[in-house]
Structures are given as structure tokens and as C-alpha cells.
Amino acid sequence: MVGALGQVDAHASGVTGTTATFDYGDSTAADVQDVTDGEADSEHTYTANGTFTITVTDDDSEGTTTATVADLAALEFDPADHTVPEVQAYVTDNPDSVDDVRALEADGKARTTLLAWLDALDDGDTP
């Protein structure tokens, strides 16, 4: 898919080492950040739907903090960054996102064929 599917901003506090490593659980390279005043920040963009576990590791090996990110389908998906078939595939995979996608589409490109397809889904029709 083109564009970002979901962005996550991660923050670690109470870090005792000099670096913190953020592993986003999606097979991308880990992000190593310097620690300032016991805190580190990182951001990451997921390009696929799913549930991912973010692991933050303190470089002094005193501990590992793990947080689970909710299903990224719930994060904002901007249909303006995608083709109509990509948006249709996203909505098909994430049926609870119809209203959000419709609102974002209406504010962005407002492609009539896509809006009609979304309306048909609401009416229980199979487009």
C-alpha cells in the first residue's frame, strides 16, 4: 500500500542506561534512541494491519519493558493517500472503519464512486 497505515509515538521513562532500543515487532530494524533525563522517544509508521508488540530495551540490561499496541486498523487511515481499490480492500479487512473512512474521504478527495460503495455497504448491499 502507498502511504502510512498507522503511526505510533512511543515514550519510555525511568530508563537508567544511555540508550533505549524500540523494537516495533513488525520485522523492521529496531530504533535506538539516546536517553535524556531517563526518557527516550521514538516514532514508527506501520504499513500493514495487525497487532504488534513494541519492546523497549534499556541498554544497561536491568530490564525490558513491553507494551502491546492495539489492532492498528483502529488507527487513522487516510483514504486520500490510497487508490479506490486500496481503500476498498482496507474497508473489507476492517468493516468497523466504514464511518471513519467515509468521513475522511468526504473531507479529502470525495470520490463519488468510493462514497457510493461505502453507502452501499451501510445499506447491507454487496457492491
N, C-alpha and C. Protein backbone atom coordinates (compact mmCIF):
# COMPACT_ATOMS: atom_id res chain seq x y z
N MET A 1 0.83 -1.19 0.00
CA MET A 1 0.00 0.00 0.00
C MET A 1 0.87 1.25 0.00
N VAL A 2 0.34 2.28 -0.55
CA VAL A 2 1.03 3.56 -0.57
C VAL A 2 0.66 4.32 0.68
N GLY A 3 1.61 5.02 1.27
CA GLY A 3 1.31 5.86 2.42
C GLY A 3 1.34 5.10 3.72
N ALA A 4 1.12 5.83 4.79
CA ALA A 4 1.20 5.28 6.13
C ALA A 4 -0.13 4.71 6.56
N LEU A 5 -0.09 3.57 7.19
CA LEU A 5 -1.32 2.97 7.69
C LEU A 5 -1.55 3.35 9.13
N GLY A 6 -0.52 3.43 9.90
CA GLY A 6 -0.69 3.80 11.30
C GLY A 6 0.61 4.27 11.90
N GLN A 7 0.56 5.40 12.57
CA GLN A 7 1.76 5.92 13.21
C GLN A 7 1.63 5.76 14.71
N VAL A 8 2.73 5.36 15.33
CA VAL A 8 2.78 5.18 16.77
C VAL A 8 3.92 6.03 17.32
N ASP A 9 3.62 6.80 18.35
CA ASP A 9 4.65 7.54 19.08
C ASP A 9 4.87 6.81 20.38
N ALA A 10 6.10 6.36 20.61
CA ALA A 10 6.42 5.59 21.82
C ALA A 10 7.29 6.44 22.74
N HIS A 11 7.05 6.28 24.04
CA HIS A 11 7.81 7.03 25.04
C HIS A 11 8.21 6.06 26.15
N ALA A 12 9.47 6.11 26.55
CA ALA A 12 9.95 5.28 27.66
C ALA A 12 10.48 6.22 28.73
N SER A 13 10.10 5.97 29.98
CA SER A 13 10.62 6.77 31.09
C SER A 13 11.21 5.83 32.13
N GLY A 14 12.05 6.38 33.00
CA GLY A 14 12.70 5.57 34.01
C GLY A 14 13.83 4.74 33.45
N VAL A 15 14.34 5.13 32.30
CA VAL A 15 15.44 4.40 31.66
C VAL A 15 16.73 4.77 32.37
N THR A 16 17.50 3.76 32.76
CA THR A 16 18.72 4.02 33.52
C THR A 16 19.98 3.98 32.67
N GLY A 17 19.89 3.47 31.45
CA GLY A 17 21.07 3.41 30.59
C GLY A 17 21.22 4.67 29.75
N THR A 18 22.10 4.59 28.75
CA THR A 18 22.34 5.75 27.89
C THR A 18 21.56 5.68 26.58
N THR A 19 21.08 4.46 26.23
CA THR A 19 20.23 4.31 25.04
C THR A 19 19.07 3.38 25.36
N ALA A 20 18.01 3.55 24.58
CA ALA A 20 16.85 2.66 24.65
C ALA A 20 16.58 2.16 23.24
N THR A 21 16.32 0.86 23.11
CA THR A 21 16.06 0.26 21.80
C THR A 21 14.58 -0.07 21.70
N PHE A 22 13.92 0.49 20.68
CA PHE A 22 12.50 0.27 20.44
C PHE A 22 12.37 -0.74 19.30
N ASP A 23 11.82 -1.91 19.59
CA ASP A 23 11.56 -2.93 18.58
C ASP A 23 10.06 -2.93 18.35
N TYR A 24 9.62 -2.61 17.14
CA TYR A 24 8.20 -2.44 16.85
C TYR A 24 7.48 -3.73 16.45
N GLY A 25 8.18 -4.84 16.45
CA GLY A 25 7.52 -6.13 16.24
C GLY A 25 6.99 -6.39 14.86
N ASP A 26 7.47 -5.64 13.87
CA ASP A 26 6.98 -5.86 12.51
C ASP A 26 8.10 -6.18 11.53
N SER A 27 9.20 -6.70 12.04
CA SER A 27 10.36 -7.12 11.23
C SER A 27 11.15 -5.96 10.64
N THR A 28 10.87 -4.74 11.04
CA THR A 28 11.70 -3.62 10.62
C THR A 28 12.86 -3.49 11.60
N ALA A 29 13.86 -2.72 11.22
CA ALA A 29 15.02 -2.54 12.09
C ALA A 29 14.61 -1.82 13.37
N ALA A 30 15.20 -2.23 14.48
CA ALA A 30 14.92 -1.58 15.76
C ALA A 30 15.44 -0.15 15.72
N ASP A 31 14.81 0.71 16.50
CA ASP A 31 15.18 2.12 16.57
C ASP A 31 15.89 2.38 17.89
N VAL A 32 17.17 2.74 17.83
CA VAL A 32 17.95 3.01 19.04
C VAL A 32 17.95 4.52 19.27
N GLN A 33 17.51 4.93 20.46
CA GLN A 33 17.42 6.35 20.81
C GLN A 33 18.26 6.66 22.04
N ASP A 34 18.86 7.84 22.04
CA ASP A 34 19.60 8.29 23.21
C ASP A 34 18.63 8.62 24.33
N VAL A 35 19.07 8.40 25.56
CA VAL A 35 18.25 8.68 26.74
C VAL A 35 18.66 10.05 27.29
N THR A 36 17.67 10.87 27.56
CA THR A 36 17.90 12.19 28.16
C THR A 36 17.05 12.27 29.42
N ASP A 37 17.69 12.51 30.54
CA ASP A 37 16.98 12.62 31.83
C ASP A 37 16.09 11.40 32.09
N GLY A 38 16.58 10.22 31.71
CA GLY A 38 15.85 8.99 31.97
C GLY A 38 14.69 8.72 31.04
N GLU A 39 14.60 9.47 29.93
CA GLU A 39 13.48 9.30 28.99
C GLU A 39 13.98 9.17 27.56
N ALA A 40 13.21 8.46 26.74
CA ALA A 40 13.53 8.31 25.32
C ALA A 40 12.23 8.27 24.53
N ASP A 41 12.27 8.80 23.32
CA ASP A 41 11.09 8.83 22.45
C ASP A 41 11.44 8.24 21.10
N SER A 42 10.43 7.66 20.47
CA SER A 42 10.61 7.09 19.14
C SER A 42 9.26 7.15 18.43
N GLU A 43 9.30 7.19 17.12
CA GLU A 43 8.06 7.09 16.36
C GLU A 43 8.26 6.10 15.23
N HIS A 44 7.15 5.48 14.82
CA HIS A 44 7.23 4.42 13.82
C HIS A 44 5.93 4.42 13.03
N THR A 45 6.03 4.13 11.75
CA THR A 45 4.85 4.01 10.91
C THR A 45 4.70 2.56 10.47
N TYR A 46 3.55 1.98 10.79
CA TYR A 46 3.23 0.63 10.34
C TYR A 46 2.61 0.71 8.96
N THR A 47 2.97 -0.22 8.10
CA THR A 47 2.44 -0.24 6.74
C THR A 47 1.53 -1.44 6.50
N ALA A 48 1.20 -2.16 7.55
CA ALA A 48 0.28 -3.30 7.43
C ALA A 48 -0.59 -3.35 8.68
N ASN A 49 -1.79 -3.89 8.51
CA ASN A 49 -2.68 -4.09 9.65
C ASN A 49 -2.16 -5.21 10.52
N GLY A 50 -2.56 -5.20 11.77
CA GLY A 50 -2.20 -6.28 12.66
C GLY A 50 -2.05 -5.80 14.08
N THR A 51 -1.76 -6.72 14.96
CA THR A 51 -1.46 -6.40 16.34
C THR A 51 0.01 -6.66 16.55
N PHE A 52 0.72 -5.67 17.02
CA PHE A 52 2.16 -5.75 17.15
C PHE A 52 2.57 -5.48 18.59
N THR A 53 3.63 -6.10 19.03
CA THR A 53 4.16 -5.86 20.36
C THR A 53 5.40 -4.99 20.25
N ILE A 54 5.36 -3.85 20.94
CA ILE A 54 6.53 -2.98 20.98
C ILE A 54 7.33 -3.36 22.20
N THR A 55 8.63 -3.61 22.00
CA THR A 55 9.51 -3.93 23.11
C THR A 55 10.56 -2.84 23.23
N VAL A 56 10.67 -2.26 24.42
CA VAL A 56 11.68 -1.24 24.67
C VAL A 56 12.71 -1.85 25.61
N THR A 57 13.97 -1.83 25.19
CA THR A 57 15.03 -2.42 25.98
C THR A 57 16.02 -1.34 26.41
N ASP A 58 16.31 -1.30 27.69
CA ASP A 58 17.28 -0.38 28.27
C ASP A 58 18.67 -0.98 28.04
N ASP A 59 19.64 -0.18 27.61
CA ASP A 59 20.95 -0.73 27.26
C ASP A 59 21.77 -1.22 28.44
N ASP A 60 21.35 -0.97 29.66
CA ASP A 60 22.13 -1.46 30.79
C ASP A 60 21.67 -2.84 31.25
N SER A 61 20.74 -3.43 30.50
CA SER A 61 20.23 -4.79 30.74
C SER A 61 19.58 -4.97 32.10
N GLU A 62 19.18 -3.88 32.74
CA GLU A 62 18.47 -4.01 34.01
C GLU A 62 17.02 -4.43 33.81
N GLY A 63 16.50 -4.26 32.61
CA GLY A 63 15.12 -4.66 32.41
C GLY A 63 14.64 -4.37 31.02
N THR A 64 13.56 -5.02 30.67
CA THR A 64 12.90 -4.82 29.40
C THR A 64 11.46 -4.45 29.68
N THR A 65 10.98 -3.43 29.01
CA THR A 65 9.59 -3.02 29.15
C THR A 65 8.88 -3.38 27.87
N THR A 66 7.73 -4.03 27.97
CA THR A 66 6.98 -4.44 26.80
C THR A 66 5.59 -3.83 26.85
N ALA A 67 5.15 -3.30 25.72
CA ALA A 67 3.80 -2.76 25.61
C ALA A 67 3.18 -3.33 24.35
N THR A 68 1.89 -3.62 24.37
CA THR A 68 1.21 -4.15 23.20
C THR A 68 0.37 -3.05 22.58
N VAL A 69 0.55 -2.86 21.29
CA VAL A 69 -0.21 -1.88 20.55
C VAL A 69 -1.52 -2.53 20.11
N ALA A 70 -2.61 -1.80 20.22
CA ALA A 70 -3.92 -2.31 19.78
C ALA A 70 -3.90 -2.55 18.28
N ASP A 71 -4.91 -3.24 17.80
CA ASP A 71 -5.02 -3.53 16.37
C ASP A 71 -4.88 -2.22 15.60
N LEU A 72 -3.91 -2.17 14.71
CA LEU A 72 -3.62 -0.92 14.02
C LEU A 72 -4.70 -0.52 13.02
N ALA A 73 -5.65 -1.39 12.78
CA ALA A 73 -6.77 -1.00 11.93
C ALA A 73 -7.54 0.14 12.58
N ALA A 74 -7.45 0.26 13.90
CA ALA A 74 -8.17 1.31 14.61
C ALA A 74 -7.49 2.66 14.47
N LEU A 75 -6.23 2.68 14.03
CA LEU A 75 -5.55 3.95 13.85
C LEU A 75 -6.05 4.63 12.59
N GLU A 76 -5.84 5.92 12.52
CA GLU A 76 -6.34 6.68 11.38
C GLU A 76 -5.77 6.18 10.07
N PHE A 77 -6.65 5.93 9.14
CA PHE A 77 -6.30 5.53 7.78
C PHE A 77 -6.82 6.63 6.89
N ASP A 78 -5.96 7.30 6.17
CA ASP A 78 -6.38 8.40 5.33
C ASP A 78 -6.60 7.90 3.91
N PRO A 79 -7.86 7.78 3.50
CA PRO A 79 -8.13 7.25 2.16
C PRO A 79 -7.58 8.13 1.05
N ALA A 80 -7.36 9.41 1.32
CA ALA A 80 -6.83 10.30 0.29
C ALA A 80 -5.44 9.88 -0.15
N ASP A 81 -4.75 9.11 0.69
CA ASP A 81 -3.40 8.65 0.34
C ASP A 81 -3.41 7.33 -0.43
N HIS A 82 -4.60 6.82 -0.77
CA HIS A 82 -4.72 5.49 -1.38
C HIS A 82 -5.64 5.53 -2.58
N THR A 83 -5.48 4.54 -3.44
CA THR A 83 -6.37 4.40 -4.59
C THR A 83 -7.70 3.82 -4.12
N VAL A 84 -8.72 3.93 -4.95
CA VAL A 84 -10.03 3.38 -4.60
C VAL A 84 -9.95 1.89 -4.28
N PRO A 85 -9.27 1.06 -5.12
CA PRO A 85 -9.18 -0.36 -4.77
C PRO A 85 -8.46 -0.61 -3.43
N GLU A 86 -7.46 0.21 -3.10
CA GLU A 86 -6.77 0.06 -1.81
C GLU A 86 -7.71 0.39 -0.66
N VAL A 87 -8.50 1.44 -0.81
CA VAL A 87 -9.45 1.81 0.24
C VAL A 87 -10.50 0.72 0.39
N GLN A 88 -10.99 0.20 -0.72
CA GLN A 88 -11.98 -0.88 -0.65
C GLN A 88 -11.41 -2.10 0.05
N ALA A 89 -10.16 -2.45 -0.24
CA ALA A 89 -9.53 -3.59 0.42
C ALA A 89 -9.38 -3.33 1.92
N TYR A 90 -9.01 -2.10 2.28
CA TYR A 90 -8.86 -1.76 3.70
C TYR A 90 -10.21 -1.89 4.42
N VAL A 91 -11.27 -1.34 3.83
CA VAL A 91 -12.59 -1.39 4.47
C VAL A 91 -13.09 -2.84 4.54
N THR A 92 -12.81 -3.61 3.52
CA THR A 92 -13.21 -5.02 3.54
C THR A 92 -12.53 -5.76 4.69
N ASP A 93 -11.24 -5.45 4.92
CA ASP A 93 -10.50 -6.07 6.02
C ASP A 93 -10.86 -5.48 7.38
N ASN A 94 -11.41 -4.26 7.39
CA ASN A 94 -11.71 -3.54 8.63
C ASN A 94 -13.13 -2.98 8.56
N PRO A 95 -14.14 -3.83 8.60
CA PRO A 95 -15.51 -3.37 8.39
C PRO A 95 -16.01 -2.33 9.40
N ASP A 96 -15.42 -2.27 10.57
CA ASP A 96 -15.84 -1.27 11.55
C ASP A 96 -15.33 0.13 11.21
N SER A 97 -14.53 0.24 10.17
CA SER A 97 -13.93 1.53 9.82
C SER A 97 -14.73 2.31 8.78
N VAL A 98 -15.88 1.79 8.34
CA VAL A 98 -16.64 2.41 7.26
C VAL A 98 -16.95 3.88 7.54
N ASP A 99 -17.49 4.19 8.71
CA ASP A 99 -17.86 5.57 9.01
C ASP A 99 -16.65 6.50 9.04
N ASP A 100 -15.56 6.03 9.65
CA ASP A 100 -14.36 6.85 9.71
C ASP A 100 -13.79 7.10 8.32
N VAL A 101 -13.73 6.05 7.50
CA VAL A 101 -13.19 6.19 6.16
C VAL A 101 -14.08 7.11 5.33
N ARG A 102 -15.41 6.99 5.47
CA ARG A 102 -16.33 7.85 4.73
C ARG A 102 -16.09 9.32 5.10
N ALA A 103 -15.97 9.61 6.38
CA ALA A 103 -15.77 10.99 6.83
C ALA A 103 -14.45 11.55 6.30
N LEU A 104 -13.39 10.74 6.36
CA LEU A 104 -12.10 11.20 5.87
C LEU A 104 -12.12 11.38 4.35
N GLU A 105 -12.79 10.49 3.65
CA GLU A 105 -12.89 10.59 2.20
C GLU A 105 -13.68 11.85 1.81
N ALA A 106 -14.77 12.11 2.51
CA ALA A 106 -15.59 13.29 2.21
C ALA A 106 -14.81 14.58 2.45
N ASP A 107 -13.92 14.57 3.45
CA ASP A 107 -13.11 15.76 3.72
C ASP A 107 -11.93 15.88 2.77
N GLY A 108 -11.56 14.78 2.13
CA GLY A 108 -10.38 14.78 1.26
C GLY A 108 -10.78 14.83 -0.20
N LYS A 109 -10.68 13.71 -0.88
CA LYS A 109 -10.93 13.66 -2.32
C LYS A 109 -12.41 13.59 -2.66
N ALA A 110 -13.22 12.99 -1.79
CA ALA A 110 -14.66 12.83 -2.02
C ALA A 110 -14.96 12.20 -3.38
N ARG A 111 -14.33 11.06 -3.64
CA ARG A 111 -14.55 10.34 -4.90
C ARG A 111 -15.94 9.72 -4.84
N THR A 112 -16.80 10.12 -5.76
CA THR A 112 -18.21 9.70 -5.72
C THR A 112 -18.36 8.19 -5.83
N THR A 113 -17.51 7.52 -6.62
CA THR A 113 -17.65 6.07 -6.75
C THR A 113 -17.33 5.37 -5.42
N LEU A 114 -16.33 5.88 -4.71
CA LEU A 114 -15.99 5.28 -3.43
C LEU A 114 -17.06 5.57 -2.39
N LEU A 115 -17.57 6.80 -2.35
CA LEU A 115 -18.62 7.15 -1.39
C LEU A 115 -19.88 6.32 -1.64
N ALA A 116 -20.22 6.10 -2.90
CA ALA A 116 -21.38 5.27 -3.23
C ALA A 116 -21.15 3.83 -2.78
N TRP A 117 -19.93 3.34 -2.93
CA TRP A 117 -19.59 1.98 -2.49
C TRP A 117 -19.73 1.86 -0.98
N LEU A 118 -19.26 2.87 -0.25
CA LEU A 118 -19.37 2.87 1.22
C LEU A 118 -20.83 2.95 1.64
N ASP A 119 -21.63 3.76 0.95
CA ASP A 119 -23.06 3.85 1.26
C ASP A 119 -23.76 2.51 1.03
N ALA A 120 -23.38 1.82 -0.03
CA ALA A 120 -23.97 0.51 -0.31
C ALA A 120 -23.65 -0.48 0.81
N LEU A 121 -22.45 -0.39 1.36
CA LEU A 121 -22.11 -1.26 2.50
C LEU A 121 -23.01 -0.98 3.68
N ASP A 122 -23.28 0.30 3.95
CA ASP A 122 -24.16 0.68 5.06
C ASP A 122 -25.57 0.16 4.86
N ASP A 123 -26.00 0.10 3.60
CA ASP A 123 -27.35 -0.37 3.30
C ASP A 123 -27.43 -1.89 3.29
N GLY A 124 -26.31 -2.55 3.56
CA GLY A 124 -26.29 -4.00 3.58
C GLY A 124 -26.13 -4.63 2.22
N ASP A 125 -25.90 -3.81 1.22
CA ASP A 125 -25.72 -4.31 -0.15
C ASP A 125 -24.27 -4.77 -0.33
N THR A 126 -24.08 -5.64 -1.26
CA THR A 126 -22.73 -6.03 -1.64
C THR A 126 -22.40 -5.29 -2.92
N PRO A 127 -21.50 -4.35 -2.84
CA PRO A 127 -21.20 -3.55 -4.05
C PRO A 127 -20.60 -4.38 -5.15
